[in-house]
Amino acid sequence: MSRLRIVFDLDDTLYPERDFARSGFAAAGRWAAKKHGVVADLGHTMLELLDSGHRGNLFGIALRAHRPEISAEEIAEMHEIYRSHEPSGLNLFEDGLWALDHYTAQGDIGLITDGHLVMQSGKVRGLGIGHRFREIVYTDTLAPGRSMAKPHPRAFERMQQALGEPGDRFVYIGDNPAKDFVSPNALGWLSVWVDRPGGIHHGATVADGGAPQVTIKSLRELPGVLGV
């Protein structure tokens, strides 16, 4: 009998990525205060920039507003503080906690996540969820330069090898139709988009071949979609 294997994305699927950003910006702001004597609350400033739509050089924008002479190398150091800090204040979405409780009670589940390895593994530790998954694939470990990040199929192929047996069915649940569902669709998985209003990727452009097969607003809708 075939089994259903459920695989989740992490950021903005199981927890609000803004929580990590807030924690990281605060750590970067403390670094700027200690190293450069910046007295402004850069953590708050960067969070405001994020909330206003900045996804690019908000570290440089915030720091150079107070220290215009700051070098690109020092801004890169600040970015590294953000990525490598031990996050605090991370919490699963209510429906994220429910989904992990519900589906780990029924069998093995997996996690596939993009991003810098130190940063993504820090998020998993900060949320205390590593033990929930039989397999976690950090795409940053698959090849240099993140060349196998989503939508590359390698992470999904590895998950199939680790989690499944011939005949098993797979579902991937993510939040970003610009990259999350291209490979699952191509591999014959079911793709489910949790499209949270106000989420970072709410209303994102759908990649070619990456249209989700199902769209939901909450992970609590999954039993109606999956039948389990």
Protein backbone atom coordinates (compact mmCIF):
# COMPACT_ATOMS: atom_id res chain seq x y z
CA MET A 1 0.00 0.00 0.00
CA SER A 2 1.36 3.42 -0.94
CA ARG A 3 1.94 5.92 1.82
CA LEU A 4 1.62 9.68 1.80
CA ARG A 5 4.88 11.42 2.64
CA ILE A 6 4.46 15.02 3.77
CA VAL A 7 7.29 17.52 3.32
CA PHE A 8 7.22 21.11 4.54
CA ASP A 9 8.99 24.34 3.68
CA LEU A 10 10.12 26.35 6.72
CA ASP A 11 10.03 30.15 6.40
CA ASP A 12 6.52 31.63 6.42
CA THR A 13 5.09 28.12 6.08
CA LEU A 14 5.62 26.84 9.62
CA TYR A 15 6.60 30.08 11.38
CA PRO A 16 6.68 33.82 10.54
CA GLU A 17 10.05 34.68 9.00
CA ARG A 18 9.64 38.24 10.30
CA ASP A 19 10.32 36.84 13.79
CA PHE A 20 13.79 35.73 12.70
CA ALA A 21 14.35 39.08 10.98
CA ARG A 22 13.45 40.95 14.16
CA SER A 23 15.87 38.82 16.21
CA GLY A 24 18.63 39.15 13.62
CA PHE A 25 18.22 42.88 13.18
CA ALA A 26 18.44 43.34 16.95
CA ALA A 27 21.69 41.34 17.02
CA ALA A 28 23.09 43.36 14.11
CA GLY A 29 22.08 46.59 15.84
CA ARG A 30 23.90 45.58 19.02
CA TRP A 31 26.99 44.81 16.93
CA ALA A 32 26.80 48.26 15.28
CA ALA A 33 26.47 49.95 18.67
CA LYS A 34 29.47 48.10 20.08
CA LYS A 35 31.78 48.33 17.07
CA HIS A 36 30.80 51.66 15.57
CA GLY A 37 29.16 53.54 18.43
CA VAL A 38 25.86 53.86 16.60
CA VAL A 39 23.36 54.93 19.23
CA ALA A 40 20.25 54.69 17.05
CA ASP A 41 18.15 51.53 17.30
CA LEU A 42 19.25 50.05 13.99
CA GLY A 43 17.35 46.87 14.68
CA HIS A 44 14.09 48.78 14.74
CA THR A 45 15.10 50.82 11.69
CA MET A 46 15.85 47.70 9.65
CA LEU A 47 12.59 46.08 10.67
CA GLU A 48 10.74 49.18 9.49
CA LEU A 49 12.61 49.00 6.18
CA LEU A 50 11.62 45.35 5.80
CA ASP A 51 7.99 46.11 6.57
CA SER A 52 8.01 48.92 3.99
CA GLY A 53 9.05 46.49 1.25
CA HIS A 54 12.86 46.57 1.25
CA ARG A 55 14.35 43.16 0.40
CA GLY A 56 17.77 44.34 -0.71
CA ASN A 57 20.50 46.40 0.91
CA LEU A 58 18.62 47.42 4.02
CA PHE A 59 21.75 46.79 6.15
CA GLY A 60 23.65 49.37 4.13
CA ILE A 61 20.76 51.81 4.08
CA ALA A 62 20.35 51.68 7.86
CA LEU A 63 24.05 51.79 8.77
CA ARG A 64 25.15 54.41 6.25
CA ALA A 65 22.42 56.76 7.48
CA HIS A 66 24.57 57.09 10.62
CA ARG A 67 28.05 56.21 9.35
CA PRO A 68 28.30 57.16 5.65
CA GLU A 69 31.94 56.07 5.51
CA ILE A 70 31.15 52.44 6.40
CA SER A 71 32.76 50.07 3.92
CA ALA A 72 31.11 47.27 1.97
CA GLU A 73 33.20 44.80 3.98
CA GLU A 74 31.83 46.13 7.27
CA ILE A 75 28.27 45.92 5.96
CA ALA A 76 28.98 42.32 4.94
CA GLU A 77 30.20 41.69 8.50
CA MET A 78 26.94 43.07 9.84
CA HIS A 79 25.03 40.78 7.49
CA GLU A 80 27.03 37.83 8.79
CA ILE A 81 26.09 38.76 12.37
CA TYR A 82 22.46 38.63 11.26
CA ARG A 83 22.78 35.23 9.61
CA SER A 84 24.86 33.54 12.29
CA HIS A 85 23.25 34.82 15.50
CA GLU A 86 21.34 32.42 17.74
CA PRO A 87 17.74 33.56 17.26
CA SER A 88 15.36 34.24 20.09
CA GLY A 89 11.62 34.75 20.18
CA LEU A 90 10.80 32.32 17.38
CA ASN A 91 7.44 30.61 17.54
CA LEU A 92 5.55 28.38 15.16
CA PHE A 93 2.33 29.62 13.65
CA GLU A 94 -0.59 28.19 15.60
CA ASP A 95 -1.51 26.06 12.60
CA GLY A 96 2.16 25.19 12.09
CA LEU A 97 2.33 23.66 15.57
CA TRP A 98 -0.96 21.89 14.94
CA ALA A 99 0.29 20.46 11.61
CA LEU A 100 3.53 19.15 13.10
CA ASP A 101 1.66 17.56 16.01
CA HIS A 102 -0.94 16.07 13.68
CA TYR A 103 1.36 14.65 11.02
CA THR A 104 4.28 13.48 13.15
CA ALA A 105 1.74 11.39 15.05
CA GLN A 106 0.85 9.65 11.78
CA GLY A 107 4.31 8.97 10.33
CA ASP A 108 7.60 10.36 9.12
CA ILE A 109 7.69 13.87 7.67
CA GLY A 110 10.40 15.95 6.02
CA LEU A 111 11.63 19.53 5.71
CA ILE A 112 13.29 21.24 2.73
CA THR A 113 14.59 24.76 3.25
CA ASP A 114 16.65 27.28 1.27
CA GLY A 115 19.12 29.76 2.65
CA HIS A 116 22.49 30.00 4.37
CA LEU A 117 23.08 26.76 6.31
CA VAL A 118 24.08 28.46 9.57
CA MET A 119 21.01 30.68 9.41
CA GLN A 120 18.51 27.96 8.51
CA SER A 121 19.85 25.47 11.04
CA GLY A 122 19.71 28.24 13.66
CA LYS A 123 16.04 28.72 12.89
CA VAL A 124 15.36 25.00 13.34
CA ARG A 125 17.18 25.07 16.70
CA GLY A 126 15.43 28.27 17.74
CA LEU A 127 12.04 26.71 17.02
CA GLY A 128 13.02 23.42 18.67
CA ILE A 129 11.62 21.34 15.80
CA GLY A 130 14.58 19.35 14.48
CA HIS A 131 13.41 16.15 16.16
CA ARG A 132 10.08 16.38 14.37
CA PHE A 133 11.51 15.43 11.00
CA ARG A 134 12.94 12.16 9.81
CA GLU A 135 14.85 14.07 7.11
CA ILE A 136 15.86 17.72 6.78
CA VAL A 137 17.41 18.89 3.52
CA TYR A 138 19.24 22.22 3.70
CA THR A 139 19.74 23.13 0.05
CA ASP A 140 22.84 25.15 0.97
CA THR A 141 24.65 21.84 1.59
CA LEU A 142 23.94 20.35 -1.83
CA ALA A 143 26.42 22.33 -3.92
CA PRO A 144 28.67 25.42 -3.69
CA GLY A 145 27.10 28.79 -4.27
CA ARG A 146 23.56 27.60 -3.60
CA SER A 147 23.38 26.38 -7.18
CA MET A 148 20.93 23.65 -6.12
CA ALA A 149 18.55 25.89 -4.19
CA LYS A 150 14.89 25.66 -5.10
CA PRO A 151 13.59 25.32 -7.75
CA HIS A 152 16.44 22.89 -8.53
CA PRO A 153 15.11 19.31 -8.15
CA ARG A 154 18.05 17.85 -6.18
CA ALA A 155 16.60 18.53 -2.71
CA PHE A 156 13.32 16.86 -3.64
CA GLU A 157 15.08 13.89 -5.20
CA ARG A 158 17.14 13.47 -2.04
CA MET A 159 14.01 13.66 0.09
CA GLN A 160 12.37 10.94 -1.99
CA GLN A 161 15.40 8.71 -1.51
CA ALA A 162 15.53 9.32 2.23
CA LEU A 163 11.85 9.26 3.11
CA GLY A 164 10.07 7.13 0.57
CA GLU A 165 9.74 3.71 -0.95
CA PRO A 166 8.46 2.74 -4.41
CA GLY A 167 4.83 3.70 -4.74
CA ASP A 168 4.81 6.32 -1.99
CA ARG A 169 3.07 9.60 -2.74
CA PHE A 170 4.65 12.93 -1.79
CA VAL A 171 3.27 16.37 -1.04
CA TYR A 172 5.25 19.59 -0.64
CA ILE A 173 3.73 22.45 1.33
CA GLY A 174 5.31 25.87 0.85
CA ASP A 175 4.63 29.57 0.70
CA ASN A 176 6.48 30.85 -2.37
CA PRO A 177 5.07 30.00 -5.82
CA ALA A 178 8.06 31.73 -7.42
CA LYS A 179 10.24 28.70 -6.56
CA ASP A 180 8.64 26.16 -4.24
CA PHE A 181 6.53 24.06 -6.60
CA VAL A 182 8.40 23.72 -9.90
CA SER A 183 10.27 20.56 -8.93
CA PRO A 184 7.49 18.90 -6.91
CA ASN A 185 5.18 19.33 -9.88
CA ALA A 186 7.77 17.89 -12.26
CA LEU A 187 8.35 14.89 -9.96
CA GLY A 188 4.66 14.12 -9.68
CA TRP A 189 4.24 15.37 -6.11
CA LEU A 190 1.16 17.19 -4.92
CA SER A 191 1.99 20.87 -4.39
CA VAL A 192 0.15 22.91 -1.76
CA TRP A 193 0.56 26.66 -1.36
CA VAL A 194 -0.24 28.09 2.06
CA ASP A 195 -0.99 31.66 0.99
CA ARG A 196 -1.09 33.62 4.21
CA PRO A 197 -2.51 37.16 3.88
CA GLY A 198 0.28 39.57 4.70
CA GLY A 199 2.98 36.96 4.17
CA ILE A 200 6.19 37.95 2.42
CA HIS A 201 5.24 35.98 -0.71
CA HIS A 202 1.52 36.72 -0.69
CA GLY A 203 0.66 37.55 -4.29
CA ALA A 204 4.07 36.42 -5.62
CA THR A 205 4.53 35.79 -9.33
CA VAL A 206 4.11 32.11 -10.13
CA ALA A 207 7.11 30.48 -11.82
CA ASP A 208 6.70 28.67 -15.12
CA GLY A 209 5.68 25.14 -14.24
CA GLY A 210 5.32 26.16 -10.61
CA ALA A 211 1.60 26.75 -10.21
CA PRO A 212 0.46 25.09 -6.98
CA GLN A 213 -2.10 22.37 -7.42
CA VAL A 214 -3.91 23.41 -4.24
CA THR A 215 -4.05 26.74 -2.40
CA ILE A 216 -4.98 27.02 1.27
CA LYS A 217 -4.99 29.80 3.84
CA SER A 218 -4.17 27.66 6.87
CA LEU A 219 -2.40 24.36 7.48
CA ARG A 220 -5.51 23.24 9.34
CA GLU A 221 -7.08 22.81 5.89
CA LEU A 222 -4.64 20.03 5.02
CA PRO A 223 -6.78 17.06 6.18
CA GLY A 224 -9.50 18.16 3.78
CA VAL A 225 -6.93 18.25 0.97
CA LEU A 226 -4.91 15.16 1.84
CA GLY A 227 -7.59 13.00 3.37
CA VAL A 228 -5.50 12.47 6.52
